[in-house]
Amino acid sequence: MTIPEIKERIQAFVDAAKRAVAAGYDFIQIHAAHGYLIHEFLSPLSNQRDDEYGGNFENRTRFLKEIVKAIREVIPKEMPLFVRLSMSDFDSMSSWEVPEVARLSKELEDEYEVDMVNLSSGGLSPNQVIPSNWDFQLQMAKTIKDQTGIVCSAVGGVCNAETASRVVDEWKIEVVEIGKATLRGA
């Protein structure tokens, strides 16, 4: 993408946020995970740019931060703004892992008025090797929560009330998402 194309995409996110506000939505969530466009900028695995949107952490996170800043400027101050992030590419060739995600999450909360970070994982690399333990995403989210204290949501492996309660009550993660378990009727 050229720089003008990047600016056009940022404006497209802003326009979508404006439409969501006009339609009466309660919050905005920016999807920056699972190999979608923003995740491609975040991960050094896919981001091979050598300009202000590639290379080091600051440059790779610039696209997302510009989107967040621009959206925050056009939505009501009281409207919650969330960002969904992949906590790992699960590819040995990538350094997009928990430490970078923790750093970005804290910056989004402290400097960009993001109200909650939705922590997920994977989706970028066809070579990803997903951990075999059922609660790997919950454990990663707990690490980020413990390191940063951010408001976050966790996903993965939550199939019953006991697990959800443990994540919320003991780990102090504010939101637990149970989409797949709900779809399966668990």
Protein backbone atom coordinates (compact mmCIF):
# COMPACT_ATOMS: atom_id res chain seq x y z
CA MET A 1 0.00 0.00 0.00
CA THR A 2 1.16 3.48 -0.77
CA ILE A 3 1.05 6.16 1.92
CA PRO A 4 -2.00 7.80 0.26
CA GLU A 5 -3.71 4.38 0.24
CA ILE A 6 -2.94 3.97 3.95
CA LYS A 7 -4.52 7.36 4.63
CA GLU A 8 -7.58 6.30 2.59
CA ARG A 9 -7.92 3.13 4.70
CA ILE A 10 -7.70 5.13 7.89
CA GLN A 11 -10.49 7.36 6.60
CA ALA A 12 -12.52 4.26 5.70
CA PHE A 13 -12.28 3.10 9.33
CA VAL A 14 -13.37 6.56 10.48
CA ASP A 15 -16.30 6.54 8.07
CA ALA A 16 -17.36 3.11 9.32
CA ALA A 17 -17.20 4.32 12.92
CA LYS A 18 -19.37 7.32 12.05
CA ARG A 19 -21.93 4.99 10.46
CA ALA A 20 -21.89 2.78 13.56
CA VAL A 21 -22.56 5.80 15.78
CA ALA A 22 -25.39 6.96 13.50
CA ALA A 23 -26.87 3.44 13.55
CA GLY A 24 -26.96 3.47 17.35
CA TYR A 25 -24.25 0.96 18.22
CA ASP A 26 -23.12 0.87 21.84
CA PHE A 27 -19.38 0.55 21.22
CA ILE A 28 -16.75 0.32 18.48
CA GLN A 29 -14.25 -2.54 18.21
CA ILE A 30 -11.32 -2.32 15.82
CA HIS A 31 -10.30 -5.76 14.58
CA ALA A 32 -6.50 -5.83 14.51
CA ALA A 33 -6.05 -9.60 14.83
CA HIS A 34 -6.20 -12.92 12.97
CA GLY A 35 -4.21 -11.89 9.91
CA TYR A 36 -6.52 -9.09 8.80
CA LEU A 37 -5.09 -5.84 7.43
CA ILE A 38 -4.09 -4.15 10.67
CA HIS A 39 -2.51 -7.34 12.02
CA GLU A 40 -0.46 -7.52 8.82
CA PHE A 41 1.03 -4.15 9.74
CA LEU A 42 1.66 -5.16 13.37
CA SER A 43 3.49 -8.41 12.68
CA PRO A 44 7.11 -8.37 11.49
CA LEU A 45 6.28 -11.65 9.77
CA SER A 46 4.08 -9.92 7.20
CA ASN A 47 5.23 -6.31 7.47
CA GLN A 48 8.29 -5.98 5.28
CA ARG A 49 7.92 -2.24 4.75
CA ASP A 50 10.95 0.03 5.03
CA ASP A 51 9.09 3.29 5.56
CA GLU A 52 7.37 4.89 8.57
CA TYR A 53 4.90 1.96 8.69
CA GLY A 54 7.46 -0.85 8.87
CA GLY A 55 10.52 -2.06 10.69
CA ASN A 56 10.54 -1.27 14.39
CA PHE A 57 7.69 -1.54 16.90
CA GLU A 58 6.77 2.15 16.71
CA ASN A 59 6.46 2.04 12.93
CA ARG A 60 4.56 -1.26 12.75
CA THR A 61 2.02 -0.03 15.31
CA ARG A 62 1.59 3.39 13.67
CA PHE A 63 -1.26 2.33 11.33
CA LEU A 64 -3.38 1.01 14.22
CA LYS A 65 -2.61 4.00 16.42
CA GLU A 66 -3.58 6.41 13.65
CA ILE A 67 -6.86 4.53 13.15
CA VAL A 68 -7.59 4.55 16.89
CA LYS A 69 -6.77 8.25 17.22
CA ALA A 70 -8.91 9.19 14.22
CA ILE A 71 -11.87 7.11 15.41
CA ARG A 72 -11.65 8.45 18.95
CA GLU A 73 -11.93 11.98 17.49
CA VAL A 74 -15.27 11.26 15.75
CA ILE A 75 -17.14 9.07 18.22
CA PRO A 76 -18.82 10.34 21.38
CA LYS A 77 -16.39 10.70 24.30
CA GLU A 78 -18.46 8.27 26.40
CA MET A 79 -18.61 5.59 23.66
CA PRO A 80 -16.37 2.63 24.51
CA LEU A 81 -13.59 1.88 22.03
CA PHE A 82 -12.12 -1.62 21.97
CA VAL A 83 -9.26 -3.17 19.98
CA ARG A 84 -8.92 -6.89 19.23
CA LEU A 85 -5.32 -8.09 19.04
CA SER A 86 -3.62 -11.38 18.31
CA MET A 87 -1.18 -12.14 21.14
CA SER A 88 1.03 -14.34 18.97
CA ASP A 89 1.60 -15.35 15.37
CA PHE A 90 2.69 -18.81 16.60
CA ASP A 91 5.43 -18.79 13.99
CA SER A 92 9.09 -19.06 14.96
CA MET A 93 9.94 -16.46 12.31
CA SER A 94 7.87 -13.75 14.04
CA SER A 95 8.45 -11.64 17.11
CA TRP A 96 4.78 -10.58 17.42
CA GLU A 97 4.36 -12.14 20.84
CA VAL A 98 3.06 -11.36 24.32
CA PRO A 99 5.75 -8.76 25.24
CA GLU A 100 5.01 -6.59 22.19
CA VAL A 101 1.25 -7.05 22.60
CA ALA A 102 1.49 -6.07 26.28
CA ARG A 103 3.43 -2.95 25.36
CA LEU A 104 0.97 -1.99 22.63
CA SER A 105 -2.03 -2.72 24.83
CA LYS A 106 -0.71 -0.45 27.59
CA GLU A 107 0.02 2.33 25.09
CA LEU A 108 -3.46 2.03 23.59
CA GLU A 109 -5.06 2.37 27.01
CA ASP A 110 -2.77 5.10 28.37
CA GLU A 111 -2.21 7.25 25.29
CA TYR A 112 -5.09 6.54 22.89
CA GLU A 113 -8.12 6.20 25.17
CA VAL A 114 -8.84 2.58 24.26
CA ASP A 115 -11.27 1.26 26.87
CA MET A 116 -10.58 -2.47 26.49
CA VAL A 117 -8.24 -4.75 24.58
CA ASN A 118 -9.77 -8.01 23.34
CA LEU A 119 -6.99 -10.61 23.42
CA SER A 120 -7.01 -13.48 20.94
CA SER A 121 -4.27 -15.11 18.87
CA GLY A 122 -3.02 -16.46 15.57
CA GLY A 123 -4.47 -16.27 12.13
CA LEU A 124 -1.64 -14.73 10.16
CA SER A 125 0.76 -17.51 9.26
CA PRO A 126 -0.02 -20.72 7.39
CA ASN A 127 2.95 -22.14 9.34
CA GLN A 128 1.53 -21.33 12.76
CA VAL A 129 1.89 -24.01 15.39
CA ILE A 130 -0.95 -23.67 17.89
CA PRO A 131 -0.16 -24.78 21.46
CA SER A 132 -1.85 -28.00 22.54
CA ASN A 133 -3.01 -26.93 26.00
CA TRP A 134 -6.69 -25.95 25.95
CA ASP A 135 -6.18 -22.71 27.88
CA PHE A 136 -3.17 -21.29 26.04
CA GLN A 137 -4.98 -18.08 25.07
CA LEU A 138 -6.30 -17.57 28.58
CA GLN A 139 -2.80 -18.03 29.99
CA MET A 140 -1.37 -15.51 27.52
CA ALA A 141 -4.13 -13.01 28.37
CA LYS A 142 -3.41 -13.50 32.08
CA THR A 143 0.25 -12.70 31.49
CA ILE A 144 -0.65 -9.48 29.69
CA LYS A 145 -3.17 -8.55 32.37
CA ASP A 146 -0.63 -9.23 35.14
CA GLN A 147 2.09 -7.21 33.38
CA THR A 148 -0.03 -4.21 32.42
CA GLY A 149 -3.21 -4.02 34.48
CA ILE A 150 -5.15 -3.06 31.35
CA VAL A 151 -8.87 -3.63 31.00
CA CYS A 152 -9.12 -6.70 28.79
CA SER A 153 -11.21 -9.56 27.54
CA ALA A 154 -9.99 -13.11 27.06
CA VAL A 155 -11.07 -15.87 24.72
CA GLY A 156 -10.38 -19.52 24.16
CA GLY A 157 -11.35 -22.69 25.92
CA VAL A 158 -14.05 -21.21 28.13
CA CYS A 159 -16.80 -23.81 27.96
CA ASN A 160 -18.41 -23.55 31.39
CA ALA A 161 -19.29 -21.12 34.15
CA GLU A 162 -16.57 -22.42 36.45
CA THR A 163 -13.79 -21.55 34.03
CA ALA A 164 -15.31 -18.16 33.25
CA SER A 165 -15.64 -17.40 36.96
CA ARG A 166 -12.03 -18.36 37.59
CA VAL A 167 -10.79 -16.07 34.82
CA VAL A 168 -12.87 -13.14 36.09
CA ASP A 169 -12.70 -13.67 39.85
CA GLU A 170 -9.17 -14.99 40.30
CA TRP A 171 -7.33 -13.55 37.32
CA LYS A 172 -9.23 -10.22 37.35
CA ILE A 173 -9.80 -10.27 33.59
CA GLU A 174 -12.89 -8.13 33.12
CA VAL A 175 -14.61 -9.94 30.22
CA VAL A 176 -14.63 -13.56 29.09
CA GLU A 177 -15.92 -14.36 25.61
CA ILE A 178 -17.50 -17.73 24.92
CA GLY A 179 -18.55 -17.59 21.27
CA LYS A 180 -17.60 -21.08 20.12
CA ALA A 181 -18.99 -22.77 23.23
CA THR A 182 -22.26 -20.94 22.66
CA LEU A 183 -22.37 -22.02 19.03
CA ARG A 184 -21.77 -25.65 20.06
CA GLY A 185 -24.52 -25.42 22.64
CA ALA A 186 -22.18 -26.17 25.54
